[in-house]
Amino acid sequence: MDRLEYELVTLYNGKQYFVLDSLMHEYDIYDLVLNVEDESDIKIVKQEIKNGKTVLNDVKDDYLLKTLSAMFKEKIEAKQNDIN
């Protein structure tokens, strides 16, 4: 799969998002994305390949969202600690 971290992507809704971070969980790749025009619009999406192209789909499962949110938080905190 393509590595999209730090890329600007356009989702199916036509909005542009900046890929803040990526991680792998149970053999799937998930991205933490931030809406370029609305900084309060942050979401977790799953990367999938369809017709040879990388497609990003919203994660809707509440349990999975909680799990991934905790993983992203831990990963971002570790990066912040490395900077300090």
PDB file of N, CA and C in Angstrom:
ATOM      1  N   MET A   1       0.831  -1.182   0.000  1.00  0.00           N
ATOM      2  CA  MET A   1       0.000   0.000   0.000  1.00  0.00           C
ATOM      3  C   MET A   1       0.878   1.247   0.000  1.00  0.00           C
ATOM      4  N   ASP A   2       0.318   2.309  -0.531  1.00  0.00           N
ATOM      5  CA  ASP A   2       1.035   3.577  -0.552  1.00  0.00           C
ATOM      6  C   ASP A   2       1.185   4.133   0.852  1.00  0.00           C
ATOM      7  N   ARG A   3       2.293   4.756   1.093  1.00  0.00           N
ATOM      8  CA  ARG A   3       2.499   5.441   2.375  1.00  0.00           C
ATOM      9  C   ARG A   3       2.023   6.871   2.186  1.00  0.00           C
ATOM     10  N   LEU A   4       0.963   7.236   2.895  1.00  0.00           N
ATOM     11  CA  LEU A   4       0.340   8.538   2.705  1.00  0.00           C
ATOM     12  C   LEU A   4       0.691   9.555   3.778  1.00  0.00           C
ATOM     13  N   GLU A   5       1.472   9.144   4.780  1.00  0.00           N
ATOM     14  CA  GLU A   5       1.774  10.047   5.883  1.00  0.00           C
ATOM     15  C   GLU A   5       2.338  11.364   5.363  1.00  0.00           C
ATOM     16  N   TYR A   6       1.804  12.475   5.864  1.00  0.00           N
ATOM     17  CA  TYR A   6       2.170  13.839   5.513  1.00  0.00           C
ATOM     18  C   TYR A   6       1.715  14.251   4.107  1.00  0.00           C
ATOM     19  N   GLU A   7       0.810  13.499   3.512  1.00  0.00           N
ATOM     20  CA  GLU A   7       0.274  13.829   2.201  1.00  0.00           C
ATOM     21  C   GLU A   7      -1.037  14.590   2.349  1.00  0.00           C
ATOM     22  N   LEU A   8      -1.435  15.282   1.313  1.00  0.00           N
ATOM     23  CA  LEU A   8      -2.724  15.937   1.230  1.00  0.00           C
ATOM     24  C   LEU A   8      -3.609  15.043   0.374  1.00  0.00           C
ATOM     25  N   VAL A   9      -4.766  14.633   0.908  1.00  0.00           N
ATOM     26  CA  VAL A   9      -5.658  13.728   0.190  1.00  0.00           C
ATOM     27  C   VAL A   9      -7.052  14.340   0.105  1.00  0.00           C
ATOM     28  N   THR A  10      -7.801  13.954  -0.922  1.00  0.00           N
ATOM     29  CA  THR A  10      -9.188  14.384  -1.061  1.00  0.00           C
ATOM     30  C   THR A  10     -10.073  13.173  -0.846  1.00  0.00           C
ATOM     31  N   LEU A  11     -11.007  13.274   0.105  1.00  0.00           N
ATOM     32  CA  LEU A  11     -11.907  12.164   0.384  1.00  0.00           C
ATOM     33  C   LEU A  11     -13.121  12.222  -0.524  1.00  0.00           C
ATOM     34  N   TYR A  12     -13.926  11.165  -0.469  1.00  0.00           N
ATOM     35  CA  TYR A  12     -15.108  11.049  -1.319  1.00  0.00           C
ATOM     36  C   TYR A  12     -16.059  12.232  -1.168  1.00  0.00           C
ATOM     37  N   ASN A  13     -16.039  12.889  -0.012  1.00  0.00           N
ATOM     38  CA  ASN A  13     -16.930  14.028   0.228  1.00  0.00           C
ATOM     39  C   ASN A  13     -16.405  15.315  -0.404  1.00  0.00           C
ATOM     40  N   GLY A  14     -15.261  15.229  -1.090  1.00  0.00           N
ATOM     41  CA  GLY A  14     -14.681  16.377  -1.773  1.00  0.00           C
ATOM     42  C   GLY A  14     -13.812  17.257  -0.893  1.00  0.00           C
ATOM     43  N   LYS A  15     -13.751  16.961   0.408  1.00  0.00           N
ATOM     44  CA  LYS A  15     -12.942  17.753   1.331  1.00  0.00           C
ATOM     45  C   LYS A  15     -11.504  17.263   1.320  1.00  0.00           C
ATOM     46  N   GLN A  16     -10.579  18.208   1.514  1.00  0.00           N
ATOM     47  CA  GLN A  16      -9.167  17.854   1.550  1.00  0.00           C
ATOM     48  C   GLN A  16      -8.713  17.669   2.989  1.00  0.00           C
ATOM     49  N   TYR A  17      -7.900  16.643   3.178  1.00  0.00           N
ATOM     50  CA  TYR A  17      -7.382  16.304   4.500  1.00  0.00           C
ATOM     51  C   TYR A  17      -5.875  16.128   4.420  1.00  0.00           C
ATOM     52  N   PHE A  18      -5.218  16.477   5.515  1.00  0.00           N
ATOM     53  CA  PHE A  18      -3.786  16.267   5.665  1.00  0.00           C
ATOM     54  C   PHE A  18      -3.606  15.007   6.500  1.00  0.00           C
ATOM     55  N   VAL A  19      -2.803  14.078   6.027  1.00  0.00           N
ATOM     56  CA  VAL A  19      -2.554  12.836   6.755  1.00  0.00           C
ATOM     57  C   VAL A  19      -1.499  13.117   7.821  1.00  0.00           C
ATOM     58  N   LEU A  20      -1.927  13.087   9.080  1.00  0.00           N
ATOM     59  CA  LEU A  20      -1.044  13.402  10.198  1.00  0.00           C
ATOM     60  C   LEU A  20      -0.147  12.234  10.585  1.00  0.00           C
ATOM     61  N   ASP A  21      -0.719  11.024  10.552  1.00  0.00           N
ATOM     62  CA  ASP A  21       0.027   9.851  10.987  1.00  0.00           C
ATOM     63  C   ASP A  21      -0.650   8.600  10.449  1.00  0.00           C
ATOM     64  N   SER A  22       0.094   7.527  10.397  1.00  0.00           N
ATOM     65  CA  SER A  22      -0.422   6.235   9.942  1.00  0.00           C
ATOM     66  C   SER A  22       0.036   5.150  10.895  1.00  0.00           C
ATOM     67  N   LEU A  23      -0.759   4.094  10.977  1.00  0.00           N
ATOM     68  CA  LEU A  23      -0.344   2.928  11.759  1.00  0.00           C
ATOM     69  C   LEU A  23      -0.998   1.672  11.209  1.00  0.00           C
ATOM     70  N   MET A  24      -0.396   0.529  11.535  1.00  0.00           N
ATOM     71  CA  MET A  24      -0.937  -0.753  11.117  1.00  0.00           C
ATOM     72  C   MET A  24      -1.559  -1.433  12.331  1.00  0.00           C
ATOM     73  N   HIS A  25      -2.756  -1.971  12.127  1.00  0.00           N
ATOM     74  CA  HIS A  25      -3.465  -2.693  13.180  1.00  0.00           C
ATOM     75  C   HIS A  25      -4.163  -3.882  12.544  1.00  0.00           C
ATOM     76  N   GLU A  26      -3.832  -5.064  13.008  1.00  0.00           N
ATOM     77  CA  GLU A  26      -4.417  -6.306  12.496  1.00  0.00           C
ATOM     78  C   GLU A  26      -4.364  -6.371  10.972  1.00  0.00           C
ATOM     79  N   TYR A  27      -3.191  -6.111  10.411  1.00  0.00           N
ATOM     80  CA  TYR A  27      -2.892  -6.213   8.984  1.00  0.00           C
ATOM     81  C   TYR A  27      -3.557  -5.148   8.112  1.00  0.00           C
ATOM     82  N   ASP A  28      -4.186  -4.157   8.709  1.00  0.00           N
ATOM     83  CA  ASP A  28      -4.772  -3.049   7.959  1.00  0.00           C
ATOM     84  C   ASP A  28      -4.040  -1.767   8.322  1.00  0.00           C
ATOM     85  N   ILE A  29      -4.009  -0.817   7.378  1.00  0.00           N
ATOM     86  CA  ILE A  29      -3.361   0.467   7.608  1.00  0.00           C
ATOM     87  C   ILE A  29      -4.439   1.521   7.833  1.00  0.00           C
ATOM     88  N   TYR A  30      -4.250   2.300   8.904  1.00  0.00           N
ATOM     89  CA  TYR A  30      -5.180   3.362   9.261  1.00  0.00           C
ATOM     90  C   TYR A  30      -4.436   4.690   9.282  1.00  0.00           C
ATOM     91  N   ASP A  31      -5.139   5.751   8.899  1.00  0.00           N
ATOM     92  CA  ASP A  31      -4.558   7.091   8.887  1.00  0.00           C
ATOM     93  C   ASP A  31      -5.360   8.016   9.782  1.00  0.00           C
ATOM     94  N   LEU A  32      -4.661   8.905  10.461  1.00  0.00           N
ATOM     95  CA  LEU A  32      -5.275   9.979  11.227  1.00  0.00           C
ATOM     96  C   LEU A  32      -5.223  11.207  10.317  1.00  0.00           C
ATOM     97  N   VAL A  33      -6.392  11.748   9.951  1.00  0.00           N
ATOM     98  CA  VAL A  33      -6.435  12.844   8.987  1.00  0.00           C
ATOM     99  C   VAL A  33      -7.104  14.082   9.581  1.00  0.00           C
ATOM    100  N   LEU A  34      -6.651  15.245   9.128  1.00  0.00           N
ATOM    101  CA  LEU A  34      -7.133  16.543   9.593  1.00  0.00           C
ATOM    102  C   LEU A  34      -7.653  17.326   8.399  1.00  0.00           C
ATOM    103  N   ASN A  35      -8.888  17.829   8.504  1.00  0.00           N
ATOM    104  CA  ASN A  35      -9.482  18.637   7.444  1.00  0.00           C
ATOM    105  C   ASN A  35      -8.690  19.930   7.303  1.00  0.00           C
ATOM    106  N   VAL A  36      -8.307  20.259   6.081  1.00  0.00           N
ATOM    107  CA  VAL A  36      -7.485  21.441   5.814  1.00  0.00           C
ATOM    108  C   VAL A  36      -8.238  22.726   6.145  1.00  0.00           C
ATOM    109  N   GLU A  37      -9.552  22.744   5.914  1.00  0.00           N
ATOM    110  CA  GLU A  37     -10.335  23.959   6.111  1.00  0.00           C
ATOM    111  C   GLU A  37     -10.995  24.047   7.487  1.00  0.00           C
ATOM    112  N   ASP A  38     -11.128  22.914   8.188  1.00  0.00           N
ATOM    113  CA  ASP A  38     -11.809  22.885   9.478  1.00  0.00           C
ATOM    114  C   ASP A  38     -11.008  22.013  10.434  1.00  0.00           C
ATOM    115  N   GLU A  39     -10.182  22.633  11.274  1.00  0.00           N
ATOM    116  CA  GLU A  39      -9.280  21.900  12.152  1.00  0.00           C
ATOM    117  C   GLU A  39     -10.005  21.074  13.218  1.00  0.00           C
ATOM    118  N   SER A  40     -11.301  21.281  13.388  1.00  0.00           N
ATOM    119  CA  SER A  40     -12.056  20.463  14.340  1.00  0.00           C
ATOM    120  C   SER A  40     -12.508  19.148  13.705  1.00  0.00           C
ATOM    121  N   ASP A  41     -12.319  19.019  12.400  1.00  0.00           N
ATOM    122  CA  ASP A  41     -12.708  17.815  11.660  1.00  0.00           C
ATOM    123  C   ASP A  41     -11.494  16.885  11.541  1.00  0.00           C
ATOM    124  N   ILE A  42     -11.346  16.014  12.542  1.00  0.00           N
ATOM    125  CA  ILE A  42     -10.262  15.040  12.566  1.00  0.00           C
ATOM    126  C   ILE A  42     -10.909  13.668  12.554  1.00  0.00           C
ATOM    127  N   LYS A  43     -10.394  12.758  11.724  1.00  0.00           N
ATOM    128  CA  LYS A  43     -10.992  11.429  11.666  1.00  0.00           C
ATOM    129  C   LYS A  43      -9.939  10.365  11.425  1.00  0.00           C
ATOM    130  N   ILE A  44     -10.355   9.139  11.667  1.00  0.00           N
ATOM    131  CA  ILE A  44      -9.511   7.982  11.398  1.00  0.00           C
ATOM    132  C   ILE A  44     -10.129   7.254  10.215  1.00  0.00           C
ATOM    133  N   VAL A  45      -9.290   6.987   9.219  1.00  0.00           N
ATOM    134  CA  VAL A  45      -9.749   6.300   8.012  1.00  0.00           C
ATOM    135  C   VAL A  45      -8.900   5.055   7.764  1.00  0.00           C
ATOM    136  N   LYS A  46      -9.479   4.117   7.061  1.00  0.00           N
ATOM    137  CA  LYS A  46      -8.798   2.868   6.725  1.00  0.00           C
ATOM    138  C   LYS A  46      -8.394   2.908   5.258  1.00  0.00           C
ATOM    139  N   GLN A  47      -7.143   2.530   4.979  1.00  0.00           N
ATOM    140  CA  GLN A  47      -6.673   2.448   3.600  1.00  0.00           C
ATOM    141  C   GLN A  47      -7.103   1.117   2.993  1.00  0.00           C
ATOM    142  N   GLU A  48      -7.656   1.175   1.789  1.00  0.00           N
ATOM    143  CA  GLU A  48      -8.014  -0.029   1.048  1.00  0.00           C
ATOM    144  C   GLU A  48      -7.621   0.174  -0.409  1.00  0.00           C
ATOM    145  N   ILE A  49      -7.362  -0.913  -1.089  1.00  0.00           N
ATOM    146  CA  ILE A  49      -7.022  -0.848  -2.512  1.00  0.00           C
ATOM    147  C   ILE A  49      -8.248  -1.281  -3.311  1.00  0.00           C
ATOM    148  N   LYS A  50      -8.705  -0.407  -4.210  1.00  0.00           N
ATOM    149  CA  LYS A  50      -9.828  -0.718  -5.093  1.00  0.00           C
ATOM    150  C   LYS A  50      -9.445  -0.298  -6.500  1.00  0.00           C
ATOM    151  N   ASN A  51      -9.523  -1.241  -7.424  1.00  0.00           N
ATOM    152  CA  ASN A  51      -9.158  -0.971  -8.819  1.00  0.00           C
ATOM    153  C   ASN A  51      -7.758  -0.387  -8.938  1.00  0.00           C
ATOM    154  N   GLY A  52      -6.848  -0.879  -8.094  1.00  0.00           N
ATOM    155  CA  GLY A  52      -5.455  -0.456  -8.161  1.00  0.00           C
ATOM    156  C   GLY A  52      -5.166   0.898  -7.537  1.00  0.00           C
ATOM    157  N   LYS A  53      -6.159   1.514  -6.890  1.00  0.00           N
ATOM    158  CA  LYS A  53      -5.959   2.819  -6.280  1.00  0.00           C
ATOM    159  C   LYS A  53      -6.199   2.720  -4.775  1.00  0.00           C
ATOM    160  N   THR A  54      -5.480   3.547  -4.015  1.00  0.00           N
ATOM    161  CA  THR A  54      -5.682   3.601  -2.572  1.00  0.00           C
ATOM    162  C   THR A  54      -6.924   4.429  -2.279  1.00  0.00           C
ATOM    163  N   VAL A  55      -7.845   3.833  -1.537  1.00  0.00           N
ATOM    164  CA  VAL A  55      -9.094   4.481  -1.159  1.00  0.00           C
ATOM    165  C   VAL A  55      -9.124   4.579   0.363  1.00  0.00           C
ATOM    166  N   LEU A  56      -9.606   5.706   0.895  1.00  0.00           N
ATOM    167  CA  LEU A  56      -9.696   5.906   2.330  1.00  0.00           C
ATOM    168  C   LEU A  56     -11.159   5.873   2.751  1.00  0.00           C
ATOM    169  N   ASN A  57     -11.488   4.997   3.692  1.00  0.00           N
ATOM    170  CA  ASN A  57     -12.857   4.864   4.181  1.00  0.00           C
ATOM    171  C   ASN A  57     -12.920   5.182   5.661  1.00  0.00           C
ATOM    172  N   ASP A  58     -13.945   5.938   6.065  1.00  0.00           N
ATOM    173  CA  ASP A  58     -14.146   6.269   7.476  1.00  0.00           C
ATOM    174  C   ASP A  58     -14.287   5.004   8.303  1.00  0.00           C
ATOM    175  N   VAL A  59     -13.694   5.008   9.492  1.00  0.00           N
ATOM    176  CA  VAL A  59     -13.881   3.914  10.447  1.00  0.00           C
ATOM    177  C   VAL A  59     -15.118   4.269  11.263  1.00  0.00           C
ATOM    178  N   LYS A  60     -16.100   3.378  11.287  1.00  0.00           N
ATOM    179  CA  LYS A  60     -17.370   3.658  11.969  1.00  0.00           C
ATOM    180  C   LYS A  60     -17.566   2.809  13.217  1.00  0.00           C
ATOM    181  N   ASP A  61     -16.830   1.715  13.365  1.00  0.00           N
ATOM    182  CA  ASP A  61     -16.965   0.824  14.510  1.00  0.00           C
ATOM    183  C   ASP A  61     -16.425   1.511  15.774  1.00  0.00           C
ATOM    184  N   ASP A  62     -17.292   1.705  16.776  1.00  0.00           N
ATOM    185  CA  ASP A  62     -16.910   2.441  17.985  1.00  0.00           C
ATOM    186  C   ASP A  62     -15.765   1.786  18.746  1.00  0.00           C
ATOM    187  N   TYR A  63     -15.790   0.465  18.882  1.00  0.00           N
ATOM    188  CA  TYR A  63     -14.720  -0.227  19.595  1.00  0.00           C
ATOM    189  C   TYR A  63     -13.392  -0.043  18.871  1.00  0.00           C
ATOM    190  N   LEU A  64     -13.412  -0.210  17.550  1.00  0.00           N
ATOM    191  CA  LEU A  64     -12.198  -0.042  16.757  1.00  0.00           C
ATOM    192  C   LEU A  64     -11.695   1.400  16.848  1.00  0.00           C
ATOM    193  N   LEU A  65     -12.604   2.368  16.806  1.00  0.00           N
ATOM    194  CA  LEU A  65     -12.204   3.770  16.923  1.00  0.00           C
ATOM    195  C   LEU A  65     -11.514   4.052  18.253  1.00  0.00           C
ATOM    196  N   LYS A  66     -12.048   3.498  19.344  1.00  0.00           N
ATOM    197  CA  LYS A  66     -11.424   3.679  20.662  1.00  0.00           C
ATOM    198  C   LYS A  66     -10.035   3.064  20.694  1.00  0.00           C
ATOM    199  N   THR A  67      -9.918   1.868  20.124  1.00  0.00           N
ATOM    200  CA  THR A  67      -8.624   1.177  20.080  1.00  0.00           C
ATOM    201  C   THR A  67      -7.611   1.977  19.277  1.00  0.00           C
ATOM    202  N   LEU A  68      -8.018   2.397  18.074  1.00  0.00           N
ATOM    203  CA  LEU A  68      -7.110   3.141  17.200  1.00  0.00           C
ATOM    204  C   LEU A  68      -6.767   4.511  17.787  1.00  0.00           C
ATOM    205  N   SER A  69      -7.746   5.165  18.406  1.00  0.00           N
ATOM    206  CA  SER A  69      -7.491   6.476  19.026  1.00  0.00           C
ATOM    207  C   SER A  69      -6.406   6.362  20.091  1.00  0.00           C
ATOM    208  N   ALA A  70      -6.500   5.328  20.919  1.00  0.00           N
ATOM    209  CA  ALA A  70      -5.488   5.117  21.957  1.00  0.00           C
ATOM    210  C   ALA A  70      -4.118   4.837  21.334  1.00  0.00           C
ATOM    211  N   MET A  71      -4.096   4.077  20.256  1.00  0.00           N
ATOM    212  CA  MET A  71      -2.828   3.764  19.586  1.00  0.00           C
ATOM    213  C   MET A  71      -2.208   5.023  18.969  1.00  0.00           C
ATOM    214  N   PHE A  72      -3.039   5.848  18.306  1.00  0.00           N
ATOM    215  CA  PHE A  72      -2.531   7.093  17.732  1.00  0.00           C
ATOM    216  C   PHE A  72      -2.032   8.034  18.823  1.00  0.00           C
ATOM    217  N   LYS A  73      -2.774   8.121  19.926  1.00  0.00           N
ATOM    218  CA  LYS A  73      -2.365   8.984  21.038  1.00  0.00           C
ATOM    219  C   LYS A  73      -1.005   8.561  21.578  1.00  0.00           C
ATOM    220  N   GLU A  74      -0.827   7.256  21.781  1.00  0.00           N
ATOM    221  CA  GLU A  74       0.441   6.741  22.292  1.00  0.00           C
ATOM    222  C   GLU A  74       1.582   7.030  21.314  1.00  0.00           C
ATOM    223  N   LYS A  75       1.321   6.839  20.029  1.00  0.00           N
ATOM    224  CA  LYS A  75       2.347   7.058  19.011  1.00  0.00           C
ATOM    225  C   LYS A  75       2.740   8.538  18.942  1.00  0.00           C
ATOM    226  N   ILE A  76       1.755   9.430  19.006  1.00  0.00           N
ATOM    227  CA  ILE A  76       2.029  10.870  18.938  1.00  0.00           C
ATOM    228  C   ILE A  76       2.766  11.339  20.191  1.00  0.00           C
ATOM    229  N   GLU A  77       2.362  10.825  21.362  1.00  0.00           N
ATOM    230  CA  GLU A  77       3.064  11.185  22.602  1.00  0.00           C
ATOM    231  C   GLU A  77       4.519  10.723  22.567  1.00  0.00           C
ATOM    232  N   ALA A  78       4.762   9.551  22.007  1.00  0.00           N
ATOM    233  CA  ALA A  78       6.138   9.050  21.896  1.00  0.00           C
ATOM    234  C   ALA A  78       6.967   9.966  20.988  1.00  0.00           C
ATOM    235  N   LYS A  79       6.377  10.429  19.889  1.00  0.00           N
ATOM    236  CA  LYS A  79       7.072  11.341  18.994  1.00  0.00           C
ATOM    237  C   LYS A  79       7.371  12.660  19.701  1.00  0.00           C
ATOM    238  N   GLN A  80       6.416  13.157  20.485  1.00  0.00           N
ATOM    239  CA  GLN A  80       6.617  14.406  21.213  1.00  0.00           C
ATOM    240  C   GLN A  80       7.732  14.261  22.242  1.00  0.00           C
ATOM    241  N   ASN A  81       7.780  13.120  22.920  1.00  0.00           N
ATOM    242  CA  ASN A  81       8.832  12.878  23.905  1.00  0.00           C
ATOM    243  C   ASN A  81      10.205  12.806  23.256  1.00  0.00           C
ATOM    244  N   ASP A  82      10.265  12.269  22.033  1.00  0.00           N
ATOM    245  CA  ASP A  82      11.535  12.207  21.309  1.00  0.00           C
ATOM    246  C   ASP A  82      12.038  13.597  20.943  1.00  0.00           C
ATOM    247  N   ILE A  83      11.107  14.521  20.690  1.00  0.00           N
ATOM    248  CA  ILE A  83      11.478  15.892  20.342  1.00  0.00           C
ATOM    249  C   ILE A  83      12.032  16.620  21.554  1.00  0.00           C
ATOM    250  N   ASN A  84      11.425  16.360  22.702  1.00  0.00           N
ATOM    251  CA  ASN A  84      11.833  17.057  23.929  1.00  0.00           C
ATOM    252  C   ASN A  84      13.016  16.371  24.484  1.00  0.00           C
TER     253      ASN A  84
END
